Amino acid sequence: VIIHAACSEQGKGIETIVPAAGLLAMQSTERNIRFIHLSTDQVFDGTSAPYTEESPTNPINPYGHAKAQAEALIRSLNPKATIVRTSLLYDLRTPDRQTVRLIEATKTGERYRLFVDELRCPIWVENLAEVLLEVATKNVPGILHLGGPESLNRWDLGMGLLQHFEITQTSNIQKGTIEESGLVRPKNLTMISSRAKQLLRTPPLSLPEAREKVQNLKI
């Protein structure tokens, strides 16, 4: 089984997304190897949520365009491939890069804005890994949405993570909007992951459920 989980950060390496996906899809077909490709909710424009696997893609940023092109190429080269669309990933053991920047801002007093109008279905990275391991044992061709079970804005997610890491000084963390930032970003990328719930045993966890699981593992 090939699980292609490569991603780009802050626009780096976008030009490699499509050719790399195509190469792996072709090689997996020729060698009859199961291929699981991680894609993104950003293949949508954020105007017609909630999105199912059958919803038409309409990306509005370069990353989303590249991932949508990669999806189409994979499906043409390897119809048996599984394309997993996921959302924001977070870690509850070691803070991920974005959470590290958020925590650092609470220490320096730097003003830090979290969008209240960008909705995603964030999922704990360890939970996603567990689900992917189950996907790898099954024949699940086509597109599969794997987001968390709740739709959260970045403010609620960020404050939940700060609470988890016991950060109480948050007065400089402020609410913001995409419109105020001037960025081109989809607003509502809520995904419906009902197909995954029907086919898989491993449930996607909400942020409170993931936090509870981590706490129980510490006991």
N, C-alpha and C. Protein backbone atom coordinates (compact mmCIF):
# COMPACT_ATOMS: atom_id res chain seq x y z
N VAL A 1 0.84 -1.19 0.00
CA VAL A 1 0.00 0.00 0.00
C VAL A 1 0.88 1.24 0.00
N ILE A 2 0.55 2.20 -0.86
CA ILE A 2 1.22 3.50 -0.86
C ILE A 2 0.25 4.52 -0.28
N ILE A 3 0.67 5.21 0.79
CA ILE A 3 -0.11 6.32 1.34
C ILE A 3 0.67 7.59 1.04
N HIS A 4 0.14 8.39 0.14
CA HIS A 4 0.82 9.62 -0.28
C HIS A 4 0.30 10.78 0.56
N ALA A 5 1.06 11.13 1.59
CA ALA A 5 0.62 12.15 2.54
C ALA A 5 1.42 13.44 2.43
N ALA A 6 2.17 13.60 1.35
CA ALA A 6 2.99 14.80 1.19
C ALA A 6 2.11 16.04 1.10
N CYS A 7 2.61 17.15 1.65
CA CYS A 7 1.87 18.41 1.59
C CYS A 7 2.86 19.54 1.42
N SER A 8 2.33 20.73 1.17
CA SER A 8 3.19 21.91 1.04
C SER A 8 2.85 22.88 2.15
N GLU A 9 3.80 23.70 2.52
CA GLU A 9 3.60 24.68 3.58
C GLU A 9 3.79 26.08 3.02
N GLN A 10 2.77 26.93 3.24
CA GLN A 10 2.84 28.33 2.84
C GLN A 10 3.25 28.48 1.38
N GLY A 11 2.63 27.67 0.52
CA GLY A 11 2.85 27.81 -0.91
C GLY A 11 4.09 27.15 -1.45
N LYS A 12 4.89 26.53 -0.60
CA LYS A 12 6.13 25.91 -1.07
C LYS A 12 5.84 24.57 -1.73
N GLY A 13 6.45 24.34 -2.88
CA GLY A 13 6.36 23.04 -3.52
C GLY A 13 5.05 22.75 -4.22
N ILE A 14 4.22 23.77 -4.44
CA ILE A 14 2.93 23.53 -5.09
C ILE A 14 3.12 22.95 -6.48
N GLU A 15 4.18 23.39 -7.16
CA GLU A 15 4.39 22.94 -8.54
C GLU A 15 4.69 21.44 -8.63
N THR A 16 5.02 20.81 -7.51
CA THR A 16 5.33 19.37 -7.54
C THR A 16 4.13 18.49 -7.21
N ILE A 17 3.03 19.09 -6.77
CA ILE A 17 1.88 18.31 -6.30
C ILE A 17 1.31 17.42 -7.41
N VAL A 18 1.04 18.01 -8.56
CA VAL A 18 0.39 17.26 -9.64
C VAL A 18 1.32 16.19 -10.23
N PRO A 19 2.55 16.54 -10.63
CA PRO A 19 3.41 15.50 -11.21
C PRO A 19 3.74 14.37 -10.23
N ALA A 20 3.93 14.69 -8.96
CA ALA A 20 4.23 13.64 -7.97
C ALA A 20 3.05 12.69 -7.81
N ALA A 21 1.85 13.26 -7.75
CA ALA A 21 0.65 12.43 -7.62
C ALA A 21 0.47 11.55 -8.85
N GLY A 22 0.70 12.13 -10.02
CA GLY A 22 0.56 11.36 -11.25
C GLY A 22 1.56 10.22 -11.34
N LEU A 23 2.79 10.48 -10.94
CA LEU A 23 3.83 9.45 -10.97
C LEU A 23 3.47 8.28 -10.06
N LEU A 24 3.04 8.59 -8.84
CA LEU A 24 2.68 7.53 -7.90
C LEU A 24 1.45 6.76 -8.36
N ALA A 25 0.48 7.47 -8.94
CA ALA A 25 -0.71 6.80 -9.44
C ALA A 25 -0.35 5.83 -10.56
N MET A 26 0.51 6.26 -11.45
CA MET A 26 0.93 5.42 -12.57
C MET A 26 1.72 4.21 -12.08
N GLN A 27 2.67 4.45 -11.17
CA GLN A 27 3.49 3.36 -10.66
C GLN A 27 2.65 2.35 -9.88
N SER A 28 1.69 2.84 -9.10
CA SER A 28 0.84 1.92 -8.33
C SER A 28 -0.04 1.08 -9.25
N THR A 29 -0.48 1.66 -10.36
CA THR A 29 -1.29 0.91 -11.33
C THR A 29 -0.46 -0.18 -12.00
N GLU A 30 0.74 0.19 -12.43
CA GLU A 30 1.60 -0.76 -13.13
C GLU A 30 2.01 -1.92 -12.23
N ARG A 31 2.17 -1.65 -10.94
CA ARG A 31 2.62 -2.69 -10.00
C ARG A 31 1.48 -3.31 -9.19
N ASN A 32 0.26 -2.87 -9.50
CA ASN A 32 -0.93 -3.38 -8.81
C ASN A 32 -0.82 -3.19 -7.30
N ILE A 33 -0.42 -1.98 -6.90
CA ILE A 33 -0.29 -1.61 -5.49
C ILE A 33 -1.43 -0.67 -5.12
N ARG A 34 -2.04 -0.90 -3.98
CA ARG A 34 -3.11 -0.01 -3.52
C ARG A 34 -2.53 1.37 -3.25
N PHE A 35 -3.27 2.40 -3.67
CA PHE A 35 -2.79 3.78 -3.58
C PHE A 35 -3.81 4.64 -2.85
N ILE A 36 -3.35 5.27 -1.77
CA ILE A 36 -4.18 6.19 -0.99
C ILE A 36 -3.53 7.57 -1.05
N HIS A 37 -4.27 8.53 -1.56
CA HIS A 37 -3.73 9.89 -1.75
C HIS A 37 -4.48 10.86 -0.85
N LEU A 38 -3.75 11.65 -0.08
CA LEU A 38 -4.37 12.65 0.78
C LEU A 38 -4.59 13.95 0.01
N SER A 39 -5.84 14.38 -0.01
CA SER A 39 -6.19 15.64 -0.65
C SER A 39 -6.72 16.59 0.43
N THR A 40 -7.49 17.58 0.03
CA THR A 40 -7.84 18.66 0.94
C THR A 40 -9.26 19.17 0.71
N ASP A 41 -9.83 19.77 1.74
CA ASP A 41 -11.12 20.43 1.58
C ASP A 41 -11.02 21.70 0.75
N GLN A 42 -9.80 22.17 0.50
CA GLN A 42 -9.63 23.41 -0.26
C GLN A 42 -9.83 23.24 -1.76
N VAL A 43 -10.26 22.05 -2.19
CA VAL A 43 -10.68 21.90 -3.59
C VAL A 43 -12.05 22.55 -3.80
N PHE A 44 -12.70 22.98 -2.73
CA PHE A 44 -13.99 23.65 -2.81
C PHE A 44 -13.83 25.16 -2.61
N ASP A 45 -14.85 25.92 -3.03
CA ASP A 45 -14.75 27.39 -2.94
C ASP A 45 -15.34 27.96 -1.66
N GLY A 46 -16.00 27.13 -0.85
CA GLY A 46 -16.51 27.59 0.43
C GLY A 46 -17.84 28.30 0.37
N THR A 47 -18.56 28.21 -0.76
CA THR A 47 -19.84 28.92 -0.89
C THR A 47 -21.05 27.99 -0.86
N SER A 48 -20.83 26.68 -0.89
CA SER A 48 -21.95 25.74 -1.01
C SER A 48 -21.86 24.59 -0.01
N ALA A 49 -21.36 24.87 1.17
CA ALA A 49 -21.24 23.83 2.20
C ALA A 49 -22.62 23.43 2.71
N PRO A 50 -22.76 22.22 3.26
CA PRO A 50 -21.71 21.22 3.46
C PRO A 50 -21.44 20.43 2.19
N TYR A 51 -20.21 19.91 2.08
CA TYR A 51 -19.78 19.24 0.87
C TYR A 51 -19.73 17.72 1.06
N THR A 52 -20.24 17.01 0.05
CA THR A 52 -20.13 15.55 0.02
C THR A 52 -19.05 15.18 -1.00
N GLU A 53 -18.79 13.89 -1.12
CA GLU A 53 -17.82 13.42 -2.10
C GLU A 53 -18.26 13.72 -3.52
N GLU A 54 -19.57 13.89 -3.73
CA GLU A 54 -20.09 14.14 -5.08
C GLU A 54 -20.14 15.63 -5.42
N SER A 55 -19.87 16.50 -4.47
CA SER A 55 -19.94 17.94 -4.72
C SER A 55 -18.88 18.34 -5.75
N PRO A 56 -19.23 19.21 -6.71
CA PRO A 56 -18.24 19.64 -7.71
C PRO A 56 -17.15 20.50 -7.07
N THR A 57 -15.93 20.30 -7.52
CA THR A 57 -14.82 21.10 -7.00
C THR A 57 -14.79 22.45 -7.70
N ASN A 58 -14.31 23.45 -6.97
CA ASN A 58 -14.18 24.80 -7.53
C ASN A 58 -13.18 25.58 -6.68
N PRO A 59 -11.89 25.22 -6.75
CA PRO A 59 -10.88 25.85 -5.89
C PRO A 59 -10.67 27.31 -6.23
N ILE A 60 -10.28 28.10 -5.22
CA ILE A 60 -10.08 29.54 -5.45
C ILE A 60 -8.67 29.99 -5.09
N ASN A 61 -7.79 29.05 -4.71
CA ASN A 61 -6.40 29.43 -4.44
C ASN A 61 -5.46 28.42 -5.12
N PRO A 62 -4.20 28.76 -5.29
CA PRO A 62 -3.27 27.89 -6.03
C PRO A 62 -3.16 26.48 -5.44
N TYR A 63 -3.13 26.38 -4.11
CA TYR A 63 -3.02 25.06 -3.49
C TYR A 63 -4.24 24.21 -3.83
N GLY A 64 -5.42 24.79 -3.69
CA GLY A 64 -6.64 24.05 -4.02
C GLY A 64 -6.69 23.63 -5.47
N HIS A 65 -6.24 24.52 -6.37
CA HIS A 65 -6.21 24.19 -7.80
C HIS A 65 -5.29 23.00 -8.05
N ALA A 66 -4.10 23.01 -7.43
CA ALA A 66 -3.15 21.92 -7.64
C ALA A 66 -3.70 20.60 -7.12
N LYS A 67 -4.34 20.63 -5.95
CA LYS A 67 -4.88 19.40 -5.38
C LYS A 67 -6.05 18.87 -6.21
N ALA A 68 -6.88 19.76 -6.75
CA ALA A 68 -7.99 19.33 -7.60
C ALA A 68 -7.46 18.69 -8.88
N GLN A 69 -6.42 19.29 -9.46
CA GLN A 69 -5.81 18.71 -10.65
C GLN A 69 -5.19 17.35 -10.35
N ALA A 70 -4.56 17.24 -9.18
CA ALA A 70 -3.97 15.96 -8.78
C ALA A 70 -5.05 14.89 -8.63
N GLU A 71 -6.17 15.25 -8.02
CA GLU A 71 -7.28 14.30 -7.88
C GLU A 71 -7.72 13.78 -9.24
N ALA A 72 -7.94 14.70 -10.19
CA ALA A 72 -8.42 14.31 -11.52
C ALA A 72 -7.41 13.41 -12.23
N LEU A 73 -6.14 13.73 -12.10
CA LEU A 73 -5.10 12.93 -12.74
C LEU A 73 -5.04 11.52 -12.14
N ILE A 74 -5.12 11.44 -10.83
CA ILE A 74 -5.08 10.13 -10.16
C ILE A 74 -6.25 9.27 -10.60
N ARG A 75 -7.43 9.85 -10.67
CA ARG A 75 -8.62 9.07 -11.04
C ARG A 75 -8.53 8.57 -12.48
N SER A 76 -7.85 9.33 -13.33
CA SER A 76 -7.70 8.89 -14.72
C SER A 76 -6.64 7.79 -14.86
N LEU A 77 -5.62 7.83 -14.01
CA LEU A 77 -4.52 6.86 -14.10
C LEU A 77 -4.76 5.61 -13.26
N ASN A 78 -5.48 5.76 -12.16
CA ASN A 78 -5.71 4.64 -11.25
C ASN A 78 -7.12 4.74 -10.66
N PRO A 79 -8.13 4.23 -11.37
CA PRO A 79 -9.51 4.31 -10.89
C PRO A 79 -9.74 3.60 -9.56
N LYS A 80 -8.83 2.71 -9.18
CA LYS A 80 -8.98 1.98 -7.91
C LYS A 80 -8.41 2.75 -6.72
N ALA A 81 -7.76 3.86 -6.98
CA ALA A 81 -7.13 4.63 -5.89
C ALA A 81 -8.17 5.21 -4.94
N THR A 82 -7.74 5.41 -3.70
CA THR A 82 -8.57 6.09 -2.71
C THR A 82 -8.04 7.51 -2.53
N ILE A 83 -8.90 8.49 -2.75
CA ILE A 83 -8.53 9.89 -2.57
C ILE A 83 -9.20 10.38 -1.29
N VAL A 84 -8.41 10.63 -0.28
CA VAL A 84 -8.93 11.03 1.03
C VAL A 84 -8.83 12.55 1.16
N ARG A 85 -9.98 13.19 1.22
CA ARG A 85 -10.00 14.64 1.46
C ARG A 85 -10.11 14.87 2.97
N THR A 86 -9.14 15.56 3.50
CA THR A 86 -9.18 15.87 4.92
C THR A 86 -9.16 17.38 5.12
N SER A 87 -9.06 17.82 6.35
CA SER A 87 -9.19 19.24 6.67
C SER A 87 -7.98 19.68 7.49
N LEU A 88 -8.18 20.66 8.36
CA LEU A 88 -7.10 21.11 9.23
C LEU A 88 -6.66 19.97 10.15
N LEU A 89 -5.36 19.80 10.29
CA LEU A 89 -4.82 18.80 11.20
C LEU A 89 -4.24 19.49 12.43
N TYR A 90 -4.43 18.89 13.59
CA TYR A 90 -3.84 19.44 14.81
C TYR A 90 -3.26 18.29 15.63
N ASP A 91 -2.32 18.62 16.50
CA ASP A 91 -1.68 17.62 17.36
C ASP A 91 -1.91 18.00 18.81
N LEU A 92 -2.21 17.03 19.64
CA LEU A 92 -2.49 17.28 21.06
C LEU A 92 -1.36 16.83 21.97
N ARG A 93 -0.32 16.25 21.43
CA ARG A 93 0.83 15.86 22.24
C ARG A 93 1.94 16.89 22.10
N THR A 94 2.37 17.13 20.88
CA THR A 94 3.36 18.16 20.60
C THR A 94 2.71 19.19 19.70
N PRO A 95 2.67 20.46 20.08
CA PRO A 95 1.99 21.47 19.25
C PRO A 95 2.53 21.49 17.83
N ASP A 96 1.62 21.54 16.85
CA ASP A 96 2.02 21.67 15.45
C ASP A 96 2.52 23.09 15.20
N ARG A 97 3.02 23.35 14.00
CA ARG A 97 3.66 24.63 13.72
C ARG A 97 2.74 25.83 13.96
N GLN A 98 1.50 25.72 13.49
CA GLN A 98 0.58 26.84 13.68
C GLN A 98 0.27 27.06 15.15
N THR A 99 0.10 25.97 15.89
CA THR A 99 -0.18 26.11 17.31
C THR A 99 1.02 26.66 18.06
N VAL A 100 2.23 26.29 17.64
CA VAL A 100 3.45 26.85 18.24
C VAL A 100 3.47 28.36 18.05
N ARG A 101 3.14 28.83 16.84
CA ARG A 101 3.12 30.28 16.60
C ARG A 101 2.07 30.97 17.47
N LEU A 102 0.93 30.30 17.63
CA LEU A 102 -0.12 30.86 18.47
C LEU A 102 0.33 30.94 19.92
N ILE A 103 0.95 29.89 20.42
CA ILE A 103 1.44 29.88 21.80
C ILE A 103 2.52 30.93 22.00
N GLU A 104 3.43 31.06 21.03
CA GLU A 104 4.48 32.07 21.12
C GLU A 104 3.89 33.47 21.20
N ALA A 105 2.81 33.71 20.45
CA ALA A 105 2.17 35.02 20.48
C ALA A 105 1.62 35.33 21.87
N THR A 106 1.11 34.32 22.57
CA THR A 106 0.59 34.57 23.93
C THR A 106 1.72 34.95 24.87
N LYS A 107 2.94 34.49 24.57
CA LYS A 107 4.08 34.79 25.43
C LYS A 107 4.68 36.16 25.13
N THR A 108 4.70 36.54 23.86
CA THR A 108 5.31 37.82 23.47
C THR A 108 4.34 38.98 23.56
N GLY A 109 3.04 38.68 23.60
CA GLY A 109 2.05 39.74 23.62
C GLY A 109 1.70 40.27 22.25
N GLU A 110 2.26 39.66 21.22
CA GLU A 110 1.97 40.07 19.85
C GLU A 110 0.49 39.84 19.54
N ARG A 111 -0.13 40.83 18.88
CA ARG A 111 -1.54 40.67 18.51
C ARG A 111 -1.68 39.56 17.47
N TYR A 112 -2.58 38.64 17.72
CA TYR A 112 -2.75 37.47 16.86
C TYR A 112 -4.24 37.30 16.59
N ARG A 113 -4.60 37.28 15.32
CA ARG A 113 -6.01 37.17 14.96
C ARG A 113 -6.35 35.75 14.49
N LEU A 114 -7.49 35.27 14.93
CA LEU A 114 -8.02 33.99 14.49
C LEU A 114 -9.37 34.22 13.83
N PHE A 115 -9.52 33.70 12.63
CA PHE A 115 -10.75 33.95 11.87
C PHE A 115 -11.96 33.30 12.52
N VAL A 116 -13.05 34.05 12.57
CA VAL A 116 -14.32 33.50 13.06
C VAL A 116 -15.23 33.11 11.91
N ASP A 117 -14.85 33.47 10.68
CA ASP A 117 -15.71 33.20 9.52
C ASP A 117 -15.12 32.16 8.58
N GLU A 118 -14.11 31.42 9.03
CA GLU A 118 -13.57 30.31 8.24
C GLU A 118 -13.90 29.01 8.96
N LEU A 119 -14.79 28.23 8.39
CA LEU A 119 -15.26 26.99 9.01
C LEU A 119 -14.60 25.79 8.35
N ARG A 120 -14.05 24.91 9.18
CA ARG A 120 -13.40 23.69 8.70
C ARG A 120 -13.86 22.53 9.60
N CYS A 121 -13.44 21.33 9.23
CA CYS A 121 -13.72 20.13 10.05
C CYS A 121 -12.39 19.56 10.53
N PRO A 122 -11.73 20.22 11.49
CA PRO A 122 -10.40 19.80 11.93
C PRO A 122 -10.41 18.40 12.53
N ILE A 123 -9.28 17.70 12.36
CA ILE A 123 -9.17 16.34 12.87
C ILE A 123 -7.80 16.15 13.51
N TRP A 124 -7.78 15.47 14.64
CA TRP A 124 -6.54 15.16 15.35
C TRP A 124 -5.68 14.26 14.47
N VAL A 125 -4.42 14.59 14.32
CA VAL A 125 -3.56 13.89 13.38
C VAL A 125 -3.43 12.40 13.72
N GLU A 126 -3.41 12.06 15.00
CA GLU A 126 -3.32 10.64 15.37
C GLU A 126 -4.60 9.89 15.03
N ASN A 127 -5.72 10.56 15.15
CA ASN A 127 -7.00 9.98 14.78
C ASN A 127 -7.04 9.73 13.27
N LEU A 128 -6.56 10.71 12.49
CA LEU A 128 -6.51 10.54 11.04
C LEU A 128 -5.61 9.36 10.67
N ALA A 129 -4.47 9.23 11.35
CA ALA A 129 -3.56 8.12 11.06
C ALA A 129 -4.24 6.78 11.33
N GLU A 130 -5.00 6.69 12.42
CA GLU A 130 -5.72 5.45 12.73
C GLU A 130 -6.73 5.11 11.64
N VAL A 131 -7.45 6.13 11.18
CA VAL A 131 -8.44 5.90 10.14
C VAL A 131 -7.77 5.47 8.84
N LEU A 132 -6.64 6.11 8.50
CA LEU A 132 -5.93 5.75 7.28
C LEU A 132 -5.42 4.31 7.32
N LEU A 133 -4.98 3.87 8.49
CA LEU A 133 -4.54 2.48 8.63
C LEU A 133 -5.69 1.52 8.34
N GLU A 134 -6.88 1.89 8.77
CA GLU A 134 -8.04 1.04 8.47
C GLU A 134 -8.37 1.09 6.98
N VAL A 135 -8.31 2.28 6.39
CA VAL A 135 -8.56 2.41 4.95
C VAL A 135 -7.59 1.53 4.17
N ALA A 136 -6.35 1.45 4.65
CA ALA A 136 -5.33 0.67 3.95
C ALA A 136 -5.64 -0.82 3.94
N THR A 137 -6.50 -1.27 4.85
CA THR A 137 -6.83 -2.70 4.91
C THR A 137 -8.08 -3.03 4.11
N LYS A 138 -8.71 -2.01 3.53
CA LYS A 138 -9.98 -2.23 2.83
C LYS A 138 -9.91 -1.72 1.40
N ASN A 139 -10.83 -2.20 0.60
CA ASN A 139 -10.94 -1.74 -0.78
C ASN A 139 -11.96 -0.61 -0.82
N VAL A 140 -11.47 0.63 -0.82
CA VAL A 140 -12.35 1.80 -0.81
C VAL A 140 -11.96 2.71 -1.97
N PRO A 141 -12.32 2.36 -3.19
CA PRO A 141 -11.94 3.20 -4.32
C PRO A 141 -12.75 4.50 -4.36
N GLY A 142 -12.19 5.50 -5.01
CA GLY A 142 -12.90 6.76 -5.15
C GLY A 142 -12.54 7.76 -4.06
N ILE A 143 -13.41 8.74 -3.89
CA ILE A 143 -13.16 9.84 -2.96
C ILE A 143 -13.80 9.53 -1.61
N LEU A 144 -13.07 9.87 -0.55
CA LEU A 144 -13.54 9.64 0.82
C LEU A 144 -13.25 10.88 1.65
N HIS A 145 -14.29 11.47 2.22
CA HIS A 145 -14.09 12.62 3.11
C HIS A 145 -13.76 12.13 4.51
N LEU A 146 -12.67 12.67 5.07
CA LEU A 146 -12.25 12.31 6.42
C LEU A 146 -11.91 13.57 7.20
N GLY A 147 -12.95 14.23 7.65
CA GLY A 147 -12.76 15.38 8.53
C GLY A 147 -13.29 15.05 9.90
N GLY A 148 -13.07 15.94 10.84
CA GLY A 148 -13.64 15.76 12.16
C GLY A 148 -15.16 15.89 12.10
N PRO A 149 -15.87 15.42 13.13
CA PRO A 149 -17.33 15.41 13.12
C PRO A 149 -17.98 16.76 13.40
N GLU A 150 -17.18 17.77 13.74
CA GLU A 150 -17.73 19.09 14.04
C GLU A 150 -17.10 20.14 13.14
N SER A 151 -17.90 21.14 12.80
CA SER A 151 -17.42 22.26 12.00
C SER A 151 -17.04 23.40 12.95
N LEU A 152 -15.75 23.77 12.93
CA LEU A 152 -15.24 24.79 13.85
C LEU A 152 -14.61 25.92 13.07
N ASN A 153 -14.74 27.14 13.59
CA ASN A 153 -13.96 28.23 13.02
C ASN A 153 -12.58 28.23 13.67
N ARG A 154 -11.68 29.01 13.11
CA ARG A 154 -10.30 28.99 13.61
C ARG A 154 -10.20 29.55 15.03
N TRP A 155 -11.10 30.44 15.40
CA TRP A 155 -11.10 30.97 16.76
C TRP A 155 -11.40 29.85 17.76
N ASP A 156 -12.47 29.11 17.53
CA ASP A 156 -12.85 28.05 18.46
C ASP A 156 -11.78 26.96 18.52
N LEU A 157 -11.21 26.63 17.37
CA LEU A 157 -10.15 25.62 17.36
C LEU A 157 -8.92 26.12 18.12
N GLY A 158 -8.50 27.34 17.82
CA GLY A 158 -7.32 27.89 18.47
C GLY A 158 -7.47 28.01 19.98
N MET A 159 -8.62 28.50 20.43
CA MET A 159 -8.83 28.63 21.86
C MET A 159 -8.93 27.27 22.54
N GLY A 160 -9.50 26.29 21.84
CA GLY A 160 -9.56 24.94 22.39
C GLY A 160 -8.18 24.33 22.56
N LEU A 161 -7.30 24.59 21.60
CA LEU A 161 -5.93 24.07 21.68
C LEU A 161 -5.14 24.78 22.78
N LEU A 162 -5.33 26.09 22.92
CA LEU A 162 -4.65 26.81 24.00
C LEU A 162 -5.10 26.29 25.36
N GLN A 163 -6.38 26.01 25.49
CA GLN A 163 -6.89 25.45 26.75
C GLN A 163 -6.26 24.08 27.01
N HIS A 164 -6.14 23.27 25.95
CA HIS A 164 -5.55 21.94 26.11
C HIS A 164 -4.11 22.02 26.60
N PHE A 165 -3.36 22.99 26.07
CA PHE A 165 -1.95 23.14 26.47
C PHE A 165 -1.79 24.06 27.68
N GLU A 166 -2.92 24.34 28.35
CA GLU A 166 -2.95 25.08 29.62
C GLU A 166 -2.37 26.48 29.48
N ILE A 167 -2.70 27.14 28.38
CA ILE A 167 -2.31 28.53 28.16
C ILE A 167 -3.49 29.41 28.57
N THR A 168 -3.31 30.21 29.60
CA THR A 168 -4.42 31.02 30.12
C THR A 168 -4.32 32.49 29.74
N GLN A 169 -3.12 32.98 29.43
CA GLN A 169 -2.94 34.38 29.06
C GLN A 169 -3.21 34.53 27.56
N THR A 170 -4.44 34.90 27.23
CA THR A 170 -4.84 34.96 25.82
C THR A 170 -5.44 36.31 25.43
N SER A 171 -5.18 37.34 26.23
CA SER A 171 -5.82 38.64 25.99
C SER A 171 -5.42 39.25 24.65
N ASN A 172 -4.25 38.89 24.12
CA ASN A 172 -3.81 39.46 22.85
C ASN A 172 -4.29 38.65 21.65
N ILE A 173 -4.96 37.53 21.89
CA ILE A 173 -5.52 36.73 20.81
C ILE A 173 -6.90 37.30 20.49
N GLN A 174 -7.08 37.77 19.28
CA GLN A 174 -8.30 38.48 18.92
C GLN A 174 -9.04 37.79 17.78
N LYS A 175 -10.33 38.07 17.71
CA LYS A 175 -11.14 37.55 16.62
C LYS A 175 -10.93 38.40 15.36
N GLY A 176 -10.85 37.74 14.23
CA GLY A 176 -10.70 38.44 12.96
C GLY A 176 -11.56 37.79 11.90
N THR A 177 -11.59 38.39 10.72
CA THR A 177 -12.35 37.84 9.60
C THR A 177 -11.48 37.77 8.36
N ILE A 178 -11.84 36.88 7.46
CA ILE A 178 -11.12 36.75 6.20
C ILE A 178 -11.20 38.06 5.42
N GLU A 179 -12.38 38.67 5.44
CA GLU A 179 -12.57 39.92 4.69
C GLU A 179 -11.61 41.00 5.19
N GLU A 180 -11.46 41.12 6.50
CA GLU A 180 -10.54 42.11 7.05
C GLU A 180 -9.09 41.84 6.66
N SER A 181 -8.75 40.57 6.50
CA SER A 181 -7.36 40.21 6.22
C SER A 181 -6.96 40.47 4.77
N GLY A 182 -7.95 40.49 3.88
CA GLY A 182 -7.64 40.68 2.47
C GLY A 182 -7.17 39.41 1.78
N LEU A 183 -7.17 38.28 2.49
CA LEU A 183 -6.72 37.02 1.92
C LEU A 183 -7.82 36.37 1.08
N VAL A 184 -7.41 35.58 0.10
CA VAL A 184 -8.35 34.82 -0.72
C VAL A 184 -8.44 33.42 -0.13
N ARG A 185 -9.48 33.18 0.63
CA ARG A 185 -9.64 31.89 1.30
C ARG A 185 -11.11 31.47 1.25
N PRO A 186 -11.39 30.18 1.10
CA PRO A 186 -12.77 29.71 1.21
C PRO A 186 -13.28 29.92 2.63
N LYS A 187 -14.55 30.29 2.76
CA LYS A 187 -15.07 30.58 4.10
C LYS A 187 -15.62 29.35 4.81
N ASN A 188 -16.46 28.61 4.13
CA ASN A 188 -17.10 27.47 4.79
C ASN A 188 -16.76 26.19 4.04
N LEU A 189 -15.86 25.40 4.60
CA LEU A 189 -15.43 24.15 3.98
C LEU A 189 -15.91 22.93 4.76
N THR A 190 -17.07 23.07 5.39
CA THR A 190 -17.64 21.96 6.13
C THR A 190 -17.87 20.77 5.21
N MET A 191 -17.33 19.62 5.59
CA MET A 191 -17.48 18.40 4.80
C MET A 191 -18.37 17.40 5.53
N ILE A 192 -19.11 16.63 4.75
CA ILE A 192 -19.89 15.52 5.28
C ILE A 192 -19.07 14.24 5.10
N SER A 193 -18.80 13.55 6.18
CA SER A 193 -17.97 12.34 6.13
C SER A 193 -18.80 11.08 6.37
N SER A 194 -20.04 11.08 5.88
CA SER A 194 -20.94 9.95 6.14
C SER A 194 -20.48 8.67 5.47
N ARG A 195 -19.83 8.77 4.31
CA ARG A 195 -19.34 7.55 3.63
C ARG A 195 -18.31 6.84 4.51
N ALA A 196 -17.41 7.62 5.12
CA ALA A 196 -16.41 7.03 6.00
C ALA A 196 -17.07 6.35 7.20
N LYS A 197 -18.10 6.97 7.74
CA LYS A 197 -18.80 6.39 8.89
C LYS A 197 -19.46 5.07 8.52
N GLN A 198 -19.95 4.98 7.27
CA GLN A 198 -20.61 3.75 6.83
C GLN A 198 -19.61 2.62 6.57
N LEU A 199 -18.44 2.96 6.05
CA LEU A 199 -17.48 1.95 5.60
C LEU A 199 -16.45 1.56 6.66
N LEU A 200 -16.21 2.45 7.63
CA LEU A 200 -15.10 2.25 8.55
C LEU A 200 -15.57 2.10 10.00
N ARG A 201 -14.77 1.41 10.79
CA ARG A 201 -15.08 1.24 12.22
C ARG A 201 -14.49 2.36 13.07
N THR A 202 -13.35 2.90 12.63
CA THR A 202 -12.66 3.92 13.43
C THR A 202 -13.39 5.25 13.29
N PRO A 203 -13.92 5.80 14.38
CA PRO A 203 -14.69 7.04 14.27
C PRO A 203 -13.78 8.27 14.27
N PRO A 204 -14.10 9.27 13.45
CA PRO A 204 -13.40 10.55 13.58
C PRO A 204 -13.83 11.23 14.88
N LEU A 205 -12.88 11.79 15.59
CA LEU A 205 -13.14 12.36 16.91
C LEU A 205 -13.26 13.87 16.86
N SER A 206 -14.16 14.41 17.66
CA SER A 206 -14.24 15.85 17.84
C SER A 206 -13.06 16.30 18.69
N LEU A 207 -12.84 17.61 18.77
CA LEU A 207 -11.76 18.12 19.61
C LEU A 207 -11.93 17.72 21.07
N PRO A 208 -13.12 17.87 21.67
CA PRO A 208 -13.27 17.41 23.06
C PRO A 208 -13.02 15.91 23.22
N GLU A 209 -13.48 15.11 22.26
CA GLU A 209 -13.26 13.66 22.35
C GLU A 209 -11.78 13.31 22.23
N ALA A 210 -11.08 14.00 21.33
CA ALA A 210 -9.64 13.76 21.17
C ALA A 210 -8.89 14.16 22.43
N ARG A 211 -9.26 15.30 23.02
CA ARG A 211 -8.60 15.74 24.25
C ARG A 211 -8.83 14.74 25.37
N GLU A 212 -10.05 14.22 25.47
CA GLU A 212 -10.35 13.23 26.51
C GLU A 212 -9.53 11.96 26.31
N LYS A 213 -9.37 11.54 25.06
CA LYS A 213 -8.60 10.33 24.79
C LYS A 213 -7.14 10.52 25.18
N VAL A 214 -6.58 11.68 24.87
CA VAL A 214 -5.19 11.95 25.24
C VAL A 214 -5.03 11.96 26.76
N GLN A 215 -5.97 12.58 27.45
CA GLN A 215 -5.90 12.62 28.91
C GLN A 215 -5.98 11.21 29.51
N ASN A 216 -6.84 10.36 28.94
CA ASN A 216 -6.98 8.99 29.44
C ASN A 216 -5.71 8.18 29.20
N LEU A 217 -5.03 8.47 28.09
CA LEU A 217 -3.80 7.75 27.79
C LEU A 217 -2.67 8.13 28.75
N LYS A 218 -2.79 9.31 29.37
CA LYS A 218 -1.77 9.76 30.31
C LYS A 218 -1.92 9.11 31.67
N ILE A 219 -3.12 8.61 31.95
CA ILE A 219 -3.40 8.03 33.27
C ILE A 219 -2.70 6.67 33.43
